[in-house]
Each structure stands twice: as structure tokens, then as C-alpha cells.
PDB file of all heavy atoms in Angstrom:
ATOM      1  N   PHE A   1      -3.053  22.069-114.620  1.00  0.00           N
ATOM      2  CA  PHE A   1      -3.782  23.302-114.301  1.00  0.00           C
ATOM      3  C   PHE A   1      -4.354  23.944-115.572  1.00  0.00           C
ATOM      4  O   PHE A   1      -3.707  23.950-116.621  1.00  0.00           O
ATOM      5  CB  PHE A   1      -2.863  24.313-113.622  1.00  0.00           C
ATOM      6  CG  PHE A   1      -2.362  23.902-112.272  1.00  0.00           C
ATOM      7  CD1 PHE A   1      -1.098  24.267-111.843  1.00  0.00           C
ATOM      8  CD2 PHE A   1      -3.153  23.158-111.408  1.00  0.00           C
ATOM      9  CE1 PHE A   1      -0.632  23.893-110.586  1.00  0.00           C
ATOM     10  CE2 PHE A   1      -2.701  22.769-110.157  1.00  0.00           C
ATOM     11  CZ  PHE A   1      -1.432  23.141-109.745  1.00  0.00           C
ATOM     12  N   ALA A   2      -5.550  24.526-115.473  1.00  0.00           N
ATOM     13  CA  ALA A   2      -6.135  25.386-116.523  1.00  0.00           C
ATOM     14  C   ALA A   2      -5.981  24.772-117.908  1.00  0.00           C
ATOM     15  O   ALA A   2      -5.560  25.439-118.859  1.00  0.00           O
ATOM     16  CB  ALA A   2      -5.501  26.778-116.470  1.00  0.00           C
ATOM     17  N   GLY A   3      -6.358  23.499-118.031  1.00  0.00           N
ATOM     18  CA  GLY A   3      -6.091  22.777-119.268  1.00  0.00           C
ATOM     19  C   GLY A   3      -6.696  23.406-120.501  1.00  0.00           C
ATOM     20  O   GLY A   3      -6.076  23.417-121.574  1.00  0.00           O
ATOM     21  N   ALA A   4      -7.916  23.935-120.411  1.00  0.00           N
ATOM     22  CA  ALA A   4      -8.544  24.541-121.582  1.00  0.00           C
ATOM     23  C   ALA A   4      -7.836  25.827-121.980  1.00  0.00           C
ATOM     24  O   ALA A   4      -7.621  26.093-123.177  1.00  0.00           O
ATOM     25  CB  ALA A   4     -10.024  24.805-121.298  1.00  0.00           C
ATOM     26  N   SER A   5      -7.451  26.630-121.007  1.00  0.00           N
ATOM     27  CA  SER A   5      -6.743  27.880-121.305  1.00  0.00           C
ATOM     28  C   SER A   5      -5.364  27.612-121.884  1.00  0.00           C
ATOM     29  O   SER A   5      -4.919  28.287-122.822  1.00  0.00           O
ATOM     30  CB  SER A   5      -6.619  28.738-120.039  1.00  0.00           C
ATOM     31  OG  SER A   5      -7.857  29.289-119.664  1.00  0.00           O
ATOM     32  N   VAL A   6      -4.663  26.627-121.338  1.00  0.00           N
ATOM     33  CA  VAL A   6      -3.323  26.320-121.840  1.00  0.00           C
ATOM     34  C   VAL A   6      -3.399  25.785-123.267  1.00  0.00           C
ATOM     35  O   VAL A   6      -2.569  26.135-124.120  1.00  0.00           O
ATOM     36  CB  VAL A   6      -2.617  25.321-120.905  1.00  0.00           C
ATOM     37  CG1 VAL A   6      -1.291  24.870-121.487  1.00  0.00           C
ATOM     38  CG2 VAL A   6      -2.400  25.950-119.534  1.00  0.00           C
ATOM     39  N   ALA A   7      -4.390  24.951-123.565  1.00  0.00           N
ATOM     40  CA  ALA A   7      -4.561  24.469-124.934  1.00  0.00           C
ATOM     41  C   ALA A   7      -4.851  25.631-125.880  1.00  0.00           C
ATOM     42  O   ALA A   7      -4.321  25.679-127.005  1.00  0.00           O
ATOM     43  CB  ALA A   7      -5.698  23.452-124.988  1.00  0.00           C
ATOM     44  N   ALA A   8      -5.675  26.580-125.447  1.00  0.00           N
ATOM     45  CA  ALA A   8      -5.964  27.751-126.273  1.00  0.00           C
ATOM     46  C   ALA A   8      -4.715  28.598-126.480  1.00  0.00           C
ATOM     47  O   ALA A   8      -4.494  29.148-127.567  1.00  0.00           O
ATOM     48  CB  ALA A   8      -7.077  28.573-125.640  1.00  0.00           C
ATOM     49  N   LEU A   9      -3.877  28.710-125.457  1.00  0.00           N
ATOM     50  CA  LEU A   9      -2.623  29.463-125.591  1.00  0.00           C
ATOM     51  C   LEU A   9      -1.673  28.782-126.575  1.00  0.00           C
ATOM     52  O   LEU A   9      -0.919  29.452-127.282  1.00  0.00           O
ATOM     53  CB  LEU A   9      -1.953  29.614-124.227  1.00  0.00           C
ATOM     54  CG  LEU A   9      -2.635  30.601-123.276  1.00  0.00           C
ATOM     55  CD1 LEU A   9      -2.115  30.430-121.857  1.00  0.00           C
ATOM     56  CD2 LEU A   9      -2.433  32.045-123.750  1.00  0.00           C
ATOM     57  N   PHE A  10      -1.705  27.449-126.623  1.00  0.00           N
ATOM     58  CA  PHE A  10      -0.918  26.742-127.632  1.00  0.00           C
ATOM     59  C   PHE A  10      -1.401  27.125-129.028  1.00  0.00           C
ATOM     60  O   PHE A  10      -0.596  27.446-129.911  1.00  0.00           O
ATOM     61  CB  PHE A  10      -1.028  25.231-127.419  1.00  0.00           C
ATOM     62  CG  PHE A  10      -0.252  24.426-128.425  1.00  0.00           C
ATOM     63  CD1 PHE A  10       1.074  24.096-128.200  1.00  0.00           C
ATOM     64  CD2 PHE A  10      -0.855  23.988-129.597  1.00  0.00           C
ATOM     65  CE1 PHE A  10       1.794  23.359-129.139  1.00  0.00           C
ATOM     66  CE2 PHE A  10      -0.148  23.249-130.535  1.00  0.00           C
ATOM     67  CZ  PHE A  10       1.179  22.937-130.305  1.00  0.00           C
ATOM     68  N   LEU A  11      -2.715  27.113-129.243  1.00  0.00           N
ATOM     69  CA  LEU A  11      -3.257  27.496-130.543  1.00  0.00           C
ATOM     70  C   LEU A  11      -2.902  28.935-130.893  1.00  0.00           C
ATOM     71  O   LEU A  11      -2.608  29.250-132.061  1.00  0.00           O
ATOM     72  CB  LEU A  11      -4.774  27.321-130.557  1.00  0.00           C
ATOM     73  CG  LEU A  11      -5.332  25.919-130.334  1.00  0.00           C
ATOM     74  CD1 LEU A  11      -6.851  25.941-130.420  1.00  0.00           C
ATOM     75  CD2 LEU A  11      -4.752  24.922-131.322  1.00  0.00           C
ATOM     76  N   ASP A  12      -2.920  29.791-129.905  1.00  0.00           N
ATOM     77  CA  ASP A  12      -2.633  31.213-130.116  1.00  0.00           C
ATOM     78  C   ASP A  12      -1.258  31.422-130.752  1.00  0.00           C
ATOM     79  O   ASP A  12      -1.050  32.388-131.493  1.00  0.00           O
ATOM     80  CB  ASP A  12      -2.733  31.948-128.781  1.00  0.00           C
ATOM     81  CG  ASP A  12      -2.554  33.446-128.908  1.00  0.00           C
ATOM     82  OD1 ASP A  12      -3.481  34.098-129.417  1.00  0.00           O
ATOM     83  OD2 ASP A  12      -1.476  33.955-128.526  1.00  0.00           O
ATOM     84  N   LYS A  13      -0.325  30.525-130.482  1.00  0.00           N
ATOM     85  CA  LYS A  13       1.015  30.639-131.050  1.00  0.00           C
ATOM     86  C   LYS A  13       1.008  30.535-132.575  1.00  0.00           C
ATOM     87  O   LYS A  13       1.942  30.997-133.248  1.00  0.00           O
ATOM     88  CB  LYS A  13       1.922  29.537-130.494  1.00  0.00           C
ATOM     89  CG  LYS A  13       2.225  29.620-129.002  1.00  0.00           C
ATOM     90  CD  LYS A  13       3.019  28.399-128.546  1.00  0.00           C
ATOM     91  CE  LYS A  13       3.331  28.432-127.067  1.00  0.00           C
ATOM     92  NZ  LYS A  13       4.341  29.457-126.726  1.00  0.00           N
ATOM     93  N   PHE A  14      -0.035  29.915-133.131  1.00  0.00           N
ATOM     94  CA  PHE A  14      -0.080  29.644-134.566  1.00  0.00           C
ATOM     95  C   PHE A  14      -1.002  30.593-135.322  1.00  0.00           C
ATOM     96  O   PHE A  14      -1.109  30.505-136.549  1.00  0.00           O
ATOM     97  CB  PHE A  14      -0.498  28.189-134.802  1.00  0.00           C
ATOM     98  CG  PHE A  14       0.483  27.207-134.235  1.00  0.00           C
ATOM     99  CD1 PHE A  14       0.352  26.753-132.924  1.00  0.00           C
ATOM    100  CD2 PHE A  14       1.562  26.772-134.987  1.00  0.00           C
ATOM    101  CE1 PHE A  14       1.275  25.871-132.386  1.00  0.00           C
ATOM    102  CE2 PHE A  14       2.479  25.886-134.449  1.00  0.00           C
ATOM    103  CZ  PHE A  14       2.341  25.436-133.154  1.00  0.00           C
ATOM    104  N   VAL A  15      -1.655  31.494-134.608  1.00  0.00           N
ATOM    105  CA  VAL A  15      -2.506  32.505-135.235  1.00  0.00           C
ATOM    106  C   VAL A  15      -1.665  33.747-135.463  1.00  0.00           C
ATOM    107  O   VAL A  15      -0.935  34.186-134.562  1.00  0.00           O
ATOM    108  CB  VAL A  15      -3.721  32.823-134.363  1.00  0.00           C
ATOM    109  CG1 VAL A  15      -4.591  33.896-135.019  1.00  0.00           C
ATOM    110  CG2 VAL A  15      -4.550  31.567-134.115  1.00  0.00           C
ATOM    111  N   GLY A  16      -1.763  34.300-136.653  1.00  0.00           N
ATOM    112  CA  GLY A  16      -0.956  35.467-136.991  1.00  0.00           C
ATOM    113  C   GLY A  16      -1.171  36.629-136.037  1.00  0.00           C
ATOM    114  O   GLY A  16      -2.251  36.815-135.466  1.00  0.00           O
ATOM    115  N   GLU A  17      -0.135  37.413-135.890  1.00  0.00           N
ATOM    116  CA  GLU A  17      -0.163  38.548-134.962  1.00  0.00           C
ATOM    117  C   GLU A  17      -1.258  39.539-135.366  1.00  0.00           C
ATOM    118  O   GLU A  17      -1.457  39.832-136.543  1.00  0.00           O
ATOM    119  CB  GLU A  17       1.199  39.244-134.974  1.00  0.00           C
ATOM    120  CG  GLU A  17       1.350  40.331-133.920  1.00  0.00           C
ATOM    121  CD  GLU A  17       2.753  40.920-133.888  1.00  0.00           C
ATOM    122  OE1 GLU A  17       3.630  40.412-134.632  1.00  0.00           O
ATOM    123  OE2 GLU A  17       2.963  41.875-133.132  1.00  0.00           O
ATOM    124  N   ASP A  18      -1.979  40.016-134.360  1.00  0.00           N
ATOM    125  CA  ASP A  18      -3.023  41.040-134.521  1.00  0.00           C
ATOM    126  C   ASP A  18      -4.246  40.562-135.300  1.00  0.00           C
ATOM    127  O   ASP A  18      -5.109  41.369-135.669  1.00  0.00           O
ATOM    128  CB  ASP A  18      -2.464  42.305-135.196  1.00  0.00           C
ATOM    129  CG  ASP A  18      -1.367  42.969-134.372  1.00  0.00           C
ATOM    130  OD1 ASP A  18      -1.457  42.921-133.131  1.00  0.00           O
ATOM    131  OD2 ASP A  18      -0.420  43.520-134.968  1.00  0.00           O
ATOM    132  N   ILE A  19      -4.375  39.270-135.565  1.00  0.00           N
ATOM    133  CA  ILE A  19      -5.575  38.756-136.232  1.00  0.00           C
ATOM    134  C   ILE A  19      -6.674  38.535-135.200  1.00  0.00           C
ATOM    135  O   ILE A  19      -6.429  37.999-134.113  1.00  0.00           O
ATOM    136  CB  ILE A  19      -5.260  37.446-136.981  1.00  0.00           C
ATOM    137  CG1 ILE A  19      -4.341  37.711-138.168  1.00  0.00           C
ATOM    138  CG2 ILE A  19      -6.549  36.769-137.459  1.00  0.00           C
ATOM    139  CD1 ILE A  19      -3.910  36.464-138.909  1.00  0.00           C
ATOM    140  N   ASP A  20      -7.870  38.957-135.534  1.00  0.00           N
ATOM    141  CA  ASP A  20      -9.039  38.737-134.677  1.00  0.00           C
ATOM    142  C   ASP A  20      -9.388  37.247-134.740  1.00  0.00           C
ATOM    143  O   ASP A  20      -9.706  36.717-135.818  1.00  0.00           O
ATOM    144  CB  ASP A  20     -10.198  39.594-135.186  1.00  0.00           C
ATOM    145  CG  ASP A  20     -11.401  39.587-134.256  1.00  0.00           C
ATOM    146  OD1 ASP A  20     -11.299  39.030-133.147  1.00  0.00           O
ATOM    147  OD2 ASP A  20     -12.436  40.152-134.653  1.00  0.00           O
ATOM    148  N   TRP A  21      -9.346  36.574-133.583  1.00  0.00           N
ATOM    149  CA  TRP A  21      -9.487  35.112-133.543  1.00  0.00           C
ATOM    150  C   TRP A  21     -10.343  34.699-132.359  1.00  0.00           C
ATOM    151  O   TRP A  21     -10.209  35.246-131.254  1.00  0.00           O
ATOM    152  CB  TRP A  21      -8.103  34.466-133.452  1.00  0.00           C
ATOM    153  CG  TRP A  21      -8.087  33.017-133.062  1.00  0.00           C
ATOM    154  CD1 TRP A  21      -8.634  31.973-133.737  1.00  0.00           C
ATOM    155  CD2 TRP A  21      -7.489  32.463-131.875  1.00  0.00           C
ATOM    156  NE1 TRP A  21      -8.407  30.788-133.054  1.00  0.00           N
ATOM    157  CE2 TRP A  21      -7.705  31.061-131.919  1.00  0.00           C
ATOM    158  CE3 TRP A  21      -6.785  33.003-130.802  1.00  0.00           C
ATOM    159  CZ2 TRP A  21      -7.255  30.209-130.912  1.00  0.00           C
ATOM    160  CZ3 TRP A  21      -6.330  32.163-129.801  1.00  0.00           C
ATOM    161  CH2 TRP A  21      -6.564  30.775-129.870  1.00  0.00           C
ATOM    162  N   ALA A  22     -11.227  33.742-132.597  1.00  0.00           N
ATOM    163  CA  ALA A  22     -12.028  33.153-131.524  1.00  0.00           C
ATOM    164  C   ALA A  22     -11.935  31.642-131.624  1.00  0.00           C
ATOM    165  O   ALA A  22     -11.889  31.078-132.723  1.00  0.00           O
ATOM    166  CB  ALA A  22     -13.481  33.595-131.611  1.00  0.00           C
ATOM    167  N   HIS A  23     -11.923  30.993-130.467  1.00  0.00           N
ATOM    168  CA  HIS A  23     -11.769  29.532-130.392  1.00  0.00           C
ATOM    169  C   HIS A  23     -12.875  28.971-129.507  1.00  0.00           C
ATOM    170  O   HIS A  23     -13.073  29.435-128.376  1.00  0.00           O
ATOM    171  CB  HIS A  23     -10.389  29.219-129.819  1.00  0.00           C
ATOM    172  CG  HIS A  23     -10.239  27.855-129.221  1.00  0.00           C
ATOM    173  ND1 HIS A  23     -10.473  26.696-129.931  1.00  0.00           N
ATOM    174  CD2 HIS A  23      -9.876  27.460-127.960  1.00  0.00           C
ATOM    175  CE1 HIS A  23     -10.240  25.646-129.141  1.00  0.00           C
ATOM    176  NE2 HIS A  23      -9.895  26.082-127.948  1.00  0.00           N
ATOM    177  N   PHE A  24     -13.611  27.985-130.038  1.00  0.00           N
ATOM    178  CA  PHE A  24     -14.642  27.292-129.276  1.00  0.00           C
ATOM    179  C   PHE A  24     -14.136  25.898-128.901  1.00  0.00           C
ATOM    180  O   PHE A  24     -13.860  25.077-129.780  1.00  0.00           O
ATOM    181  CB  PHE A  24     -15.926  27.136-130.096  1.00  0.00           C
ATOM    182  CG  PHE A  24     -16.749  28.379-130.227  1.00  0.00           C
ATOM    183  CD1 PHE A  24     -16.617  29.209-131.328  1.00  0.00           C
ATOM    184  CD2 PHE A  24     -17.669  28.729-129.249  1.00  0.00           C
ATOM    185  CE1 PHE A  24     -17.380  30.354-131.458  1.00  0.00           C
ATOM    186  CE2 PHE A  24     -18.432  29.865-129.364  1.00  0.00           C
ATOM    187  CZ  PHE A  24     -18.289  30.683-130.473  1.00  0.00           C
ATOM    188  N   ASP A  25     -14.026  25.634-127.616  1.00  0.00           N
ATOM    189  CA  ASP A  25     -13.744  24.292-127.110  1.00  0.00           C
ATOM    190  C   ASP A  25     -15.096  23.680-126.761  1.00  0.00           C
ATOM    191  O   ASP A  25     -15.653  23.920-125.685  1.00  0.00           O
ATOM    192  CB  ASP A  25     -12.831  24.381-125.887  1.00  0.00           C
ATOM    193  CG  ASP A  25     -12.294  23.025-125.437  1.00  0.00           C
ATOM    194  OD1 ASP A  25     -12.931  22.010-125.747  1.00  0.00           O
ATOM    195  OD2 ASP A  25     -11.257  23.000-124.756  1.00  0.00           O
ATOM    196  N   THR A  26     -15.652  22.928-127.702  1.00  0.00           N
ATOM    197  CA  THR A  26     -17.033  22.440-127.583  1.00  0.00           C
ATOM    198  C   THR A  26     -17.063  20.940-127.337  1.00  0.00           C
ATOM    199  O   THR A  26     -16.108  20.232-127.664  1.00  0.00           O
ATOM    200  CB  THR A  26     -17.825  22.791-128.856  1.00  0.00           C
ATOM    201  OG1 THR A  26     -19.197  22.444-128.687  1.00  0.00           O
ATOM    202  CG2 THR A  26     -17.277  22.070-130.081  1.00  0.00           C
ATOM    203  N   PHE A  27     -18.140  20.455-126.762  1.00  0.00           N
ATOM    204  CA  PHE A  27     -18.274  19.027-126.480  1.00  0.00           C
ATOM    205  C   PHE A  27     -18.871  18.275-127.665  1.00  0.00           C
ATOM    206  O   PHE A  27     -18.574  17.110-127.899  1.00  0.00           O
ATOM    207  CB  PHE A  27     -19.141  18.831-125.231  1.00  0.00           C
ATOM    208  CG  PHE A  27     -19.096  17.450-124.639  1.00  0.00           C
ATOM    209  CD1 PHE A  27     -17.905  16.779-124.457  1.00  0.00           C
ATOM    210  CD2 PHE A  27     -20.263  16.819-124.239  1.00  0.00           C
ATOM    211  CE1 PHE A  27     -17.859  15.512-123.892  1.00  0.00           C
ATOM    212  CE2 PHE A  27     -20.238  15.551-123.667  1.00  0.00           C
ATOM    213  CZ  PHE A  27     -19.034  14.897-123.498  1.00  0.00           C
ATOM    214  N   ALA A  28     -19.764  18.938-128.403  1.00  0.00           N
ATOM    215  CA  ALA A  28     -20.416  18.364-129.595  1.00  0.00           C
ATOM    216  C   ALA A  28     -21.236  17.115-129.288  1.00  0.00           C
ATOM    217  O   ALA A  28     -21.489  16.305-130.174  1.00  0.00           O
ATOM    218  CB  ALA A  28     -19.377  18.056-130.684  1.00  0.00           C
ATOM    219  N   TRP A  29     -21.668  16.989-128.050  1.00  0.00           N
ATOM    220  CA  TRP A  29     -22.404  15.780-127.653  1.00  0.00           C
ATOM    221  C   TRP A  29     -23.355  16.138-126.528  1.00  0.00           C
ATOM    222  O   TRP A  29     -23.030  16.938-125.646  1.00  0.00           O
ATOM    223  CB  TRP A  29     -21.428  14.713-127.172  1.00  0.00           C
ATOM    224  CG  TRP A  29     -22.060  13.365-126.936  1.00  0.00           C
ATOM    225  CD1 TRP A  29     -22.500  12.863-125.742  1.00  0.00           C
ATOM    226  CD2 TRP A  29     -22.312  12.350-127.907  1.00  0.00           C
ATOM    227  NE1 TRP A  29     -23.011  11.602-125.917  1.00  0.00           N
ATOM    228  CE2 TRP A  29     -22.910  11.256-127.235  1.00  0.00           C
ATOM    229  CE3 TRP A  29     -22.080  12.254-129.280  1.00  0.00           C
ATOM    230  CZ2 TRP A  29     -23.277  10.092-127.906  1.00  0.00           C
ATOM    231  CZ3 TRP A  29     -22.451  11.105-129.941  1.00  0.00           C
ATOM    232  CH2 TRP A  29     -23.041  10.032-129.250  1.00  0.00           C
ATOM    233  N   ARG A  30     -24.542  15.532-126.561  1.00  0.00           N
ATOM    234  CA  ARG A  30     -25.501  15.717-125.481  1.00  0.00           C
ATOM    235  C   ARG A  30     -25.708  14.373-124.792  1.00  0.00           C
ATOM    236  O   ARG A  30     -26.255  13.444-125.389  1.00  0.00           O
ATOM    237  CB  ARG A  30     -26.827  16.241-126.031  1.00  0.00           C
ATOM    238  CG  ARG A  30     -27.775  16.748-124.947  1.00  0.00           C
ATOM    239  CD  ARG A  30     -28.897  17.545-125.552  1.00  0.00           C
ATOM    240  NE  ARG A  30     -28.427  18.705-126.290  1.00  0.00           N
ATOM    241  CZ  ARG A  30     -28.003  19.826-125.733  1.00  0.00           C
ATOM    242  NH1 ARG A  30     -28.005  19.951-124.416  1.00  0.00           N
ATOM    243  NH2 ARG A  30     -27.590  20.836-126.478  1.00  0.00           N
ATOM    244  N   PRO A  31     -25.256  14.230-123.542  1.00  0.00           N
ATOM    245  CA  PRO A  31     -25.349  12.935-122.868  1.00  0.00           C
ATOM    246  C   PRO A  31     -26.752  12.553-122.449  1.00  0.00           C
ATOM    247  O   PRO A  31     -27.017  11.374-122.179  1.00  0.00           O
ATOM    248  CB  PRO A  31     -24.436  13.105-121.653  1.00  0.00           C
ATOM    249  CG  PRO A  31     -24.346  14.569-121.427  1.00  0.00           C
ATOM    250  CD  PRO A  31     -24.495  15.224-122.761  1.00  0.00           C
ATOM    251  N   ALA A  32     -27.665  13.523-122.365  1.00  0.00           N
ATOM    252  CA  ALA A  32     -29.060  13.232-121.999  1.00  0.00           C
ATOM    253  C   ALA A  32     -29.968  14.128-122.825  1.00  0.00           C
ATOM    254  O   ALA A  32     -29.647  15.288-123.093  1.00  0.00           O
ATOM    255  CB  ALA A  32     -29.284  13.470-120.513  1.00  0.00           C
ATOM    256  N   ALA A  33     -31.103  13.594-123.220  1.00  0.00           N
ATOM    257  CA  ALA A  33     -32.023  14.341-124.077  1.00  0.00           C
ATOM    258  C   ALA A  33     -32.735  15.442-123.316  1.00  0.00           C
ATOM    259  O   ALA A  33     -33.037  15.318-122.122  1.00  0.00           O
ATOM    260  CB  ALA A  33     -33.051  13.394-124.683  1.00  0.00           C
ATOM    261  N   LYS A  34     -32.995  16.555-124.019  1.00  0.00           N
ATOM    262  CA  LYS A  34     -33.852  17.637-123.568  1.00  0.00           C
ATOM    263  C   LYS A  34     -34.801  17.970-124.713  1.00  0.00           C
ATOM    264  O   LYS A  34     -34.536  17.598-125.862  1.00  0.00           O
ATOM    265  CB  LYS A  34     -33.023  18.872-123.192  1.00  0.00           C
ATOM    266  CG  LYS A  34     -32.067  18.665-122.023  1.00  0.00           C
ATOM    267  CD  LYS A  34     -31.311  19.942-121.711  1.00  0.00           C
ATOM    268  CE  LYS A  34     -30.350  19.754-120.539  1.00  0.00           C
ATOM    269  NZ  LYS A  34     -29.607  20.998-120.225  1.00  0.00           N
ATOM    270  N   PRO A  35     -35.930  18.632-124.447  1.00  0.00           N
ATOM    271  CA  PRO A  35     -36.848  18.944-125.545  1.00  0.00           C
ATOM    272  C   PRO A  35     -36.134  19.653-126.698  1.00  0.00           C
ATOM    273  O   PRO A  35     -35.462  20.662-126.502  1.00  0.00           O
ATOM    274  CB  PRO A  35     -37.887  19.847-124.884  1.00  0.00           C
ATOM    275  CG  PRO A  35     -37.917  19.367-123.464  1.00  0.00           C
ATOM    276  CD  PRO A  35     -36.492  19.040-123.141  1.00  0.00           C
ATOM    277  N   GLY A  36     -36.249  19.088-127.889  1.00  0.00           N
ATOM    278  CA  GLY A  36     -35.618  19.662-129.064  1.00  0.00           C
ATOM    279  C   GLY A  36     -34.153  19.344-129.212  1.00  0.00           C
ATOM    280  O   GLY A  36     -33.523  19.732-130.204  1.00  0.00           O
ATOM    281  N   ARG A  37     -33.587  18.645-128.225  1.00  0.00           N
ATOM    282  CA  ARG A  37     -32.147  18.369-128.207  1.00  0.00           C
ATOM    283  C   ARG A  37     -31.930  16.905-127.829  1.00  0.00           C
ATOM    284  O   ARG A  37     -31.717  16.592-126.656  1.00  0.00           O
ATOM    285  CB  ARG A  37     -31.460  19.302-127.212  1.00  0.00           C
ATOM    286  CG  ARG A  37     -31.467  20.764-127.629  1.00  0.00           C
ATOM    287  CD  ARG A  37     -31.474  21.712-126.462  1.00  0.00           C
ATOM    288  NE  ARG A  37     -32.773  21.722-125.784  1.00  0.00           N
ATOM    289  CZ  ARG A  37     -33.053  22.472-124.727  1.00  0.00           C
ATOM    290  NH1 ARG A  37     -32.127  23.266-124.210  1.00  0.00           N
ATOM    291  NH2 ARG A  37     -34.247  22.430-124.174  1.00  0.00           N
ATOM    292  N   PRO A  38     -31.985  16.000-128.812  1.00  0.00           N
ATOM    293  CA  PRO A  38     -31.882  14.574-128.498  1.00  0.00           C
ATOM    294  C   PRO A  38     -30.491  14.196-128.015  1.00  0.00           C
ATOM    295  O   PRO A  38     -29.508  14.905-128.249  1.00  0.00           O
ATOM    296  CB  PRO A  38     -32.214  13.901-129.825  1.00  0.00           C
ATOM    297  CG  PRO A  38     -31.888  14.921-130.860  1.00  0.00           C
ATOM    298  CD  PRO A  38     -32.185  16.242-130.240  1.00  0.00           C
ATOM    299  N   LYS A  39     -30.421  13.066-127.348  1.00  0.00           N
ATOM    300  CA  LYS A  39     -29.140  12.519-126.923  1.00  0.00           C
ATOM    301  C   LYS A  39     -28.288  12.217-128.149  1.00  0.00           C
ATOM    302  O   LYS A  39     -28.763  11.738-129.167  1.00  0.00           O
ATOM    303  CB  LYS A  39     -29.359  11.240-126.117  1.00  0.00           C
ATOM    304  CG  LYS A  39     -28.087  10.578-125.621  1.00  0.00           C
ATOM    305  CD  LYS A  39     -28.397   9.309-124.839  1.00  0.00           C
ATOM    306  CE  LYS A  39     -27.131   8.611-124.379  1.00  0.00           C
ATOM    307  NZ  LYS A  39     -27.415   7.366-123.621  1.00  0.00           N
ATOM    308  N   GLY A  40     -26.981  12.493-128.038  1.00  0.00           N
ATOM    309  CA  GLY A  40     -26.069  12.205-129.132  1.00  0.00           C
ATOM    310  C   GLY A  40     -25.383  13.454-129.625  1.00  0.00           C
ATOM    311  O   GLY A  40     -25.227  14.435-128.887  1.00  0.00           O
TER     312      GLY A  40
END
């Protein structure tokens, strides 16, 4: 269940208390080309 949220909660355990933190779970890949955005 909620795999992305649970993974983020795991990371949250290692970030210091009260620190402003943001986490991007990104794909870093484009499976099909779009104008200006090639495949890869």
C-alpha cells in the first residue's frame, strides 16, 4: 500500500527534526518523445 508515501516516510526518519525538507520521487526518463523532450 502507498509505496511512494511509505518510502518517503522512511526517508523522513533520517532528516533532522524541524528541518524544512522536500523529496522528489522522479522517473528521470521519457518513454516517448514529445516536442522538445526526446525519448530517454
